[in-house]
Amino acid sequence: MMPTSPFNQFKDWKKQWEYFFNQDFWNNFEPFLQTNKPSSSGVNIYKKEENELLVVMNIPGLEDVEQVEVYVDYKTLEIKAEINLQFKGFELVEEGIFQGTFEKMVPLPFAVKEERIEATYDGGLLMIHLHRLIPDDTKKKIKIKKAEI
């Protein structure tokens, strides 16, 4: 028998709050409100040799890849998406799949090349292929010009 969480009742409160105020106030409390779900970030990171990464993120229900934005900044991947699962003629009774706007920051194990990124979406999975940024450590000779005085 699973122990009951003192936060189980918040799920009902959350729905009432959103209905009454028509806003998503409880988003910041989402980790506490999720019950009986395995803790998962929804992101897997795979490494190939020492220079490539494949970041796979579970994003169900995208009708258009334009609903997702992917940004990279040195050693951080940022994903922004809008998930809206609606089925014609049906009303949502119980919600177990996240819907709405979300942002996810994914720390990467190494800096990546901005010009060598490929992102694809298939079957509810966003796959982002990245390559390690290898700094150019070779010495560069600086040409010295004679100053005109």
C-alpha atoms as a PDB file:
ATOM      1  CA  MET A   1       0.000   0.000   0.000  1.00  0.00           C
ATOM      2  CA  MET A   2       1.409   3.380  -1.042  1.00  0.00           C
ATOM      3  CA  PRO A   3       1.632   5.973   1.736  1.00  0.00           C
ATOM      4  CA  THR A   4      -0.706   8.891   1.124  1.00  0.00           C
ATOM      5  CA  SER A   5       0.825  12.270   0.561  1.00  0.00           C
ATOM      6  CA  PRO A   6      -0.392  15.265   2.557  1.00  0.00           C
ATOM      7  CA  PHE A   7      -0.375  17.131  -0.775  1.00  0.00           C
ATOM      8  CA  ASN A   8      -3.010  14.909  -2.472  1.00  0.00           C
ATOM      9  CA  GLN A   9      -5.806  17.417  -1.747  1.00  0.00           C
ATOM     10  CA  PHE A  10      -3.894  20.220  -3.473  1.00  0.00           C
ATOM     11  CA  LYS A  11      -4.776  18.721  -6.844  1.00  0.00           C
ATOM     12  CA  ASP A  12      -8.456  19.580  -6.303  1.00  0.00           C
ATOM     13  CA  TRP A  13      -7.577  22.998  -4.866  1.00  0.00           C
ATOM     14  CA  LYS A  14      -5.419  23.707  -7.899  1.00  0.00           C
ATOM     15  CA  LYS A  15      -8.292  23.022 -10.305  1.00  0.00           C
ATOM     16  CA  GLN A  16     -10.667  25.228  -8.289  1.00  0.00           C
ATOM     17  CA  TRP A  17      -8.122  28.060  -8.112  1.00  0.00           C
ATOM     18  CA  GLU A  18      -7.521  27.952 -11.871  1.00  0.00           C
ATOM     19  CA  TYR A  19     -11.259  27.873 -12.564  1.00  0.00           C
ATOM     20  CA  PHE A  20     -11.961  30.793 -10.225  1.00  0.00           C
ATOM     21  CA  PHE A  21      -9.034  33.035 -11.204  1.00  0.00           C
ATOM     22  CA  ASN A  22      -8.519  31.762 -14.756  1.00  0.00           C
ATOM     23  CA  GLN A  23      -4.744  31.672 -14.368  1.00  0.00           C
ATOM     24  CA  ASP A  24      -1.969  29.170 -13.747  1.00  0.00           C
ATOM     25  CA  PHE A  25      -0.955  30.191 -10.210  1.00  0.00           C
ATOM     26  CA  TRP A  26       0.065  26.706  -9.073  1.00  0.00           C
ATOM     27  CA  ASN A  27       2.804  26.076 -11.689  1.00  0.00           C
ATOM     28  CA  ASN A  28       5.559  26.828  -9.144  1.00  0.00           C
ATOM     29  CA  PHE A  29       4.128  24.197  -6.807  1.00  0.00           C
ATOM     30  CA  GLU A  30       3.799  21.481  -9.467  1.00  0.00           C
ATOM     31  CA  PRO A  31       6.584  19.219  -8.076  1.00  0.00           C
ATOM     32  CA  PHE A  32       4.760  19.023  -4.736  1.00  0.00           C
ATOM     33  CA  LEU A  33       1.373  18.412  -6.321  1.00  0.00           C
ATOM     34  CA  GLN A  34       2.364  15.446  -8.468  1.00  0.00           C
ATOM     35  CA  THR A  35       1.476  12.253  -6.700  1.00  0.00           C
ATOM     36  CA  ASN A  36       2.078   8.598  -7.505  1.00  0.00           C
ATOM     37  CA  LYS A  37       4.302   9.526 -10.448  1.00  0.00           C
ATOM     38  CA  PRO A  38       7.916   8.504 -10.865  1.00  0.00           C
ATOM     39  CA  SER A  39      10.254  11.448 -10.502  1.00  0.00           C
ATOM     40  CA  SER A  40      11.554  12.171 -13.965  1.00  0.00           C
ATOM     41  CA  SER A  41      12.805  15.225 -15.739  1.00  0.00           C
ATOM     42  CA  GLY A  42      11.440  13.994 -19.072  1.00  0.00           C
ATOM     43  CA  VAL A  43      14.936  14.420 -20.533  1.00  0.00           C
ATOM     44  CA  ASN A  44      17.567  11.840 -21.436  1.00  0.00           C
ATOM     45  CA  ILE A  45      21.116  12.812 -22.404  1.00  0.00           C
ATOM     46  CA  TYR A  46      23.192  10.346 -24.400  1.00  0.00           C
ATOM     47  CA  LYS A  47      26.916  10.657 -25.149  1.00  0.00           C
ATOM     48  CA  LYS A  48      28.674   9.268 -28.234  1.00  0.00           C
ATOM     49  CA  GLU A  49      32.389   8.924 -27.724  1.00  0.00           C
ATOM     50  CA  GLU A  50      33.606  12.137 -26.108  1.00  0.00           C
ATOM     51  CA  ASN A  51      32.415  14.711 -28.642  1.00  0.00           C
ATOM     52  CA  GLU A  52      28.709  14.235 -29.321  1.00  0.00           C
ATOM     53  CA  LEU A  53      25.501  14.491 -27.322  1.00  0.00           C
ATOM     54  CA  LEU A  54      21.947  13.507 -28.066  1.00  0.00           C
ATOM     55  CA  VAL A  55      19.359  15.185 -25.853  1.00  0.00           C
ATOM     56  CA  VAL A  56      15.944  13.517 -26.019  1.00  0.00           C
ATOM     57  CA  MET A  57      12.934  15.226 -24.451  1.00  0.00           C
ATOM     58  CA  ASN A  58       9.403  13.910 -24.112  1.00  0.00           C
ATOM     59  CA  ILE A  59       7.004  16.533 -25.544  1.00  0.00           C
ATOM     60  CA  PRO A  60       3.674  14.922 -26.454  1.00  0.00           C
ATOM     61  CA  GLY A  61       1.036  16.297 -28.768  1.00  0.00           C
ATOM     62  CA  LEU A  62       2.828  18.893 -30.866  1.00  0.00           C
ATOM     63  CA  GLU A  63       0.866  19.640 -34.003  1.00  0.00           C
ATOM     64  CA  ASP A  64       3.545  21.970 -35.336  1.00  0.00           C
ATOM     65  CA  VAL A  65       7.284  22.099 -34.579  1.00  0.00           C
ATOM     66  CA  GLU A  66       6.894  25.884 -34.441  1.00  0.00           C
ATOM     67  CA  GLN A  67       5.362  25.334 -30.975  1.00  0.00           C
ATOM     68  CA  VAL A  68       8.881  24.573 -29.653  1.00  0.00           C
ATOM     69  CA  GLU A  69      11.864  26.889 -29.362  1.00  0.00           C
ATOM     70  CA  VAL A  70      15.362  25.551 -28.682  1.00  0.00           C
ATOM     71  CA  TYR A  71      18.257  27.764 -27.600  1.00  0.00           C
ATOM     72  CA  VAL A  72      21.842  26.916 -26.728  1.00  0.00           C
ATOM     73  CA  ASP A  73      24.238  28.977 -24.665  1.00  0.00           C
ATOM     74  CA  TYR A  74      27.683  27.444 -24.121  1.00  0.00           C
ATOM     75  CA  LYS A  75      26.838  24.557 -21.713  1.00  0.00           C
ATOM     76  CA  THR A  76      23.094  25.080 -21.368  1.00  0.00           C
ATOM     77  CA  LEU A  77      20.221  24.014 -23.559  1.00  0.00           C
ATOM     78  CA  GLU A  78      16.932  25.878 -23.165  1.00  0.00           C
ATOM     79  CA  ILE A  79      13.663  24.459 -24.436  1.00  0.00           C
ATOM     80  CA  LYS A  80      10.386  26.396 -24.506  1.00  0.00           C
ATOM     81  CA  ALA A  81       7.177  24.746 -25.682  1.00  0.00           C
ATOM     82  CA  GLU A  82       3.425  25.081 -25.730  1.00  0.00           C
ATOM     83  CA  ILE A  83       1.542  21.807 -25.228  1.00  0.00           C
ATOM     84  CA  ASN A  84      -2.171  21.853 -25.879  1.00  0.00           C
ATOM     85  CA  LEU A  85      -3.845  18.448 -26.094  1.00  0.00           C
ATOM     86  CA  GLN A  86      -7.427  18.849 -27.257  1.00  0.00           C
ATOM     87  CA  PHE A  87      -9.625  16.263 -28.873  1.00  0.00           C
ATOM     88  CA  LYS A  88     -12.645  17.405 -30.846  1.00  0.00           C
ATOM     89  CA  GLY A  89     -15.880  16.652 -29.041  1.00  0.00           C
ATOM     90  CA  PHE A  90     -14.180  15.566 -25.797  1.00  0.00           C
ATOM     91  CA  GLU A  91     -13.888  17.322 -22.447  1.00  0.00           C
ATOM     92  CA  LEU A  92     -10.892  16.740 -20.163  1.00  0.00           C
ATOM     93  CA  VAL A  93     -11.925  14.716 -17.108  1.00  0.00           C
ATOM     94  CA  GLU A  94      -8.545  13.854 -15.565  1.00  0.00           C
ATOM     95  CA  GLU A  95      -5.182  15.358 -16.435  1.00  0.00           C
ATOM     96  CA  GLY A  96      -2.078  13.174 -16.195  1.00  0.00           C
ATOM     97  CA  ILE A  97      -0.131  14.648 -19.114  1.00  0.00           C
ATOM     98  CA  PHE A  98       1.237  18.157 -18.641  1.00  0.00           C
ATOM     99  CA  GLN A  99      -0.382  20.828 -20.790  1.00  0.00           C
ATOM    100  CA  GLY A 100       0.422  24.482 -21.156  1.00  0.00           C
ATOM    101  CA  THR A 101       3.559  26.553 -21.522  1.00  0.00           C
ATOM    102  CA  PHE A 102       6.815  25.325 -20.078  1.00  0.00           C
ATOM    103  CA  GLU A 103      10.504  26.180 -20.102  1.00  0.00           C
ATOM    104  CA  LYS A 104      13.260  23.704 -19.350  1.00  0.00           C
ATOM    105  CA  MET A 105      16.944  24.461 -18.809  1.00  0.00           C
ATOM    106  CA  VAL A 106      19.152  21.434 -19.444  1.00  0.00           C
ATOM    107  CA  PRO A 107      22.752  21.670 -18.202  1.00  0.00           C
ATOM    108  CA  LEU A 108      25.104  19.980 -20.651  1.00  0.00           C
ATOM    109  CA  PRO A 109      28.273  18.103 -19.659  1.00  0.00           C
ATOM    110  CA  PHE A 110      30.387  20.250 -21.990  1.00  0.00           C
ATOM    111  CA  ALA A 111      30.222  23.363 -24.154  1.00  0.00           C
ATOM    112  CA  VAL A 112      28.750  22.792 -27.602  1.00  0.00           C
ATOM    113  CA  LYS A 113      29.199  24.274 -31.063  1.00  0.00           C
ATOM    114  CA  GLU A 114      26.343  26.604 -31.869  1.00  0.00           C
ATOM    115  CA  GLU A 115      26.702  26.103 -35.613  1.00  0.00           C
ATOM    116  CA  ARG A 116      26.424  22.276 -35.437  1.00  0.00           C
ATOM    117  CA  ILE A 117      23.045  21.623 -33.852  1.00  0.00           C
ATOM    118  CA  GLU A 118      20.294  19.556 -35.376  1.00  0.00           C
ATOM    119  CA  ALA A 119      16.847  19.231 -33.787  1.00  0.00           C
ATOM    120  CA  THR A 120      14.104  16.858 -34.943  1.00  0.00           C
ATOM    121  CA  TYR A 121      10.683  15.906 -33.609  1.00  0.00           C
ATOM    122  CA  ASP A 122       9.028  12.524 -34.088  1.00  0.00           C
ATOM    123  CA  GLY A 123       6.491  10.467 -32.166  1.00  0.00           C
ATOM    124  CA  GLY A 124       6.365  12.866 -29.200  1.00  0.00           C
ATOM    125  CA  LEU A 125      10.150  13.032 -28.811  1.00  0.00           C
ATOM    126  CA  LEU A 126      12.283  16.110 -29.420  1.00  0.00           C
ATOM    127  CA  MET A 127      15.814  14.985 -30.332  1.00  0.00           C
ATOM    128  CA  ILE A 128      18.669  17.484 -30.300  1.00  0.00           C
ATOM    129  CA  HIS A 129      22.057  16.400 -31.675  1.00  0.00           C
ATOM    130  CA  LEU A 130      24.992  18.485 -30.388  1.00  0.00           C
ATOM    131  CA  HIS A 131      28.775  18.513 -30.890  1.00  0.00           C
ATOM    132  CA  ARG A 132      31.466  19.452 -28.391  1.00  0.00           C
ATOM    133  CA  LEU A 133      33.057  22.869 -28.740  1.00  0.00           C
ATOM    134  CA  ILE A 134      36.761  22.199 -29.013  1.00  0.00           C
ATOM    135  CA  PRO A 135      38.726  25.350 -28.268  1.00  0.00           C
ATOM    136  CA  ASP A 136      41.450  26.263 -30.670  1.00  0.00           C
ATOM    137  CA  ASP A 137      44.523  26.254 -28.441  1.00  0.00           C
ATOM    138  CA  THR A 138      47.046  26.885 -31.185  1.00  0.00           C
ATOM    139  CA  LYS A 139      49.204  29.953 -30.830  1.00  0.00           C
ATOM    140  CA  LYS A 140      48.369  32.778 -33.135  1.00  0.00           C
ATOM    141  CA  LYS A 141      51.064  35.146 -34.232  1.00  0.00           C
ATOM    142  CA  ILE A 142      50.048  38.786 -34.004  1.00  0.00           C
ATOM    143  CA  LYS A 143      51.407  41.029 -36.719  1.00  0.00           C
ATOM    144  CA  ILE A 144      52.954  44.190 -35.325  1.00  0.00           C
ATOM    145  CA  LYS A 145      52.659  47.392 -37.308  1.00  0.00           C
ATOM    146  CA  LYS A 146      55.002  50.310 -37.048  1.00  0.00           C
ATOM    147  CA  ALA A 147      53.244  53.181 -35.366  1.00  0.00           C
ATOM    148  CA  GLU A 148      53.029  56.412 -37.256  1.00  0.00           C
ATOM    149  CA  ILE A 149      54.035  59.254 -34.966  1.00  0.00           C
END
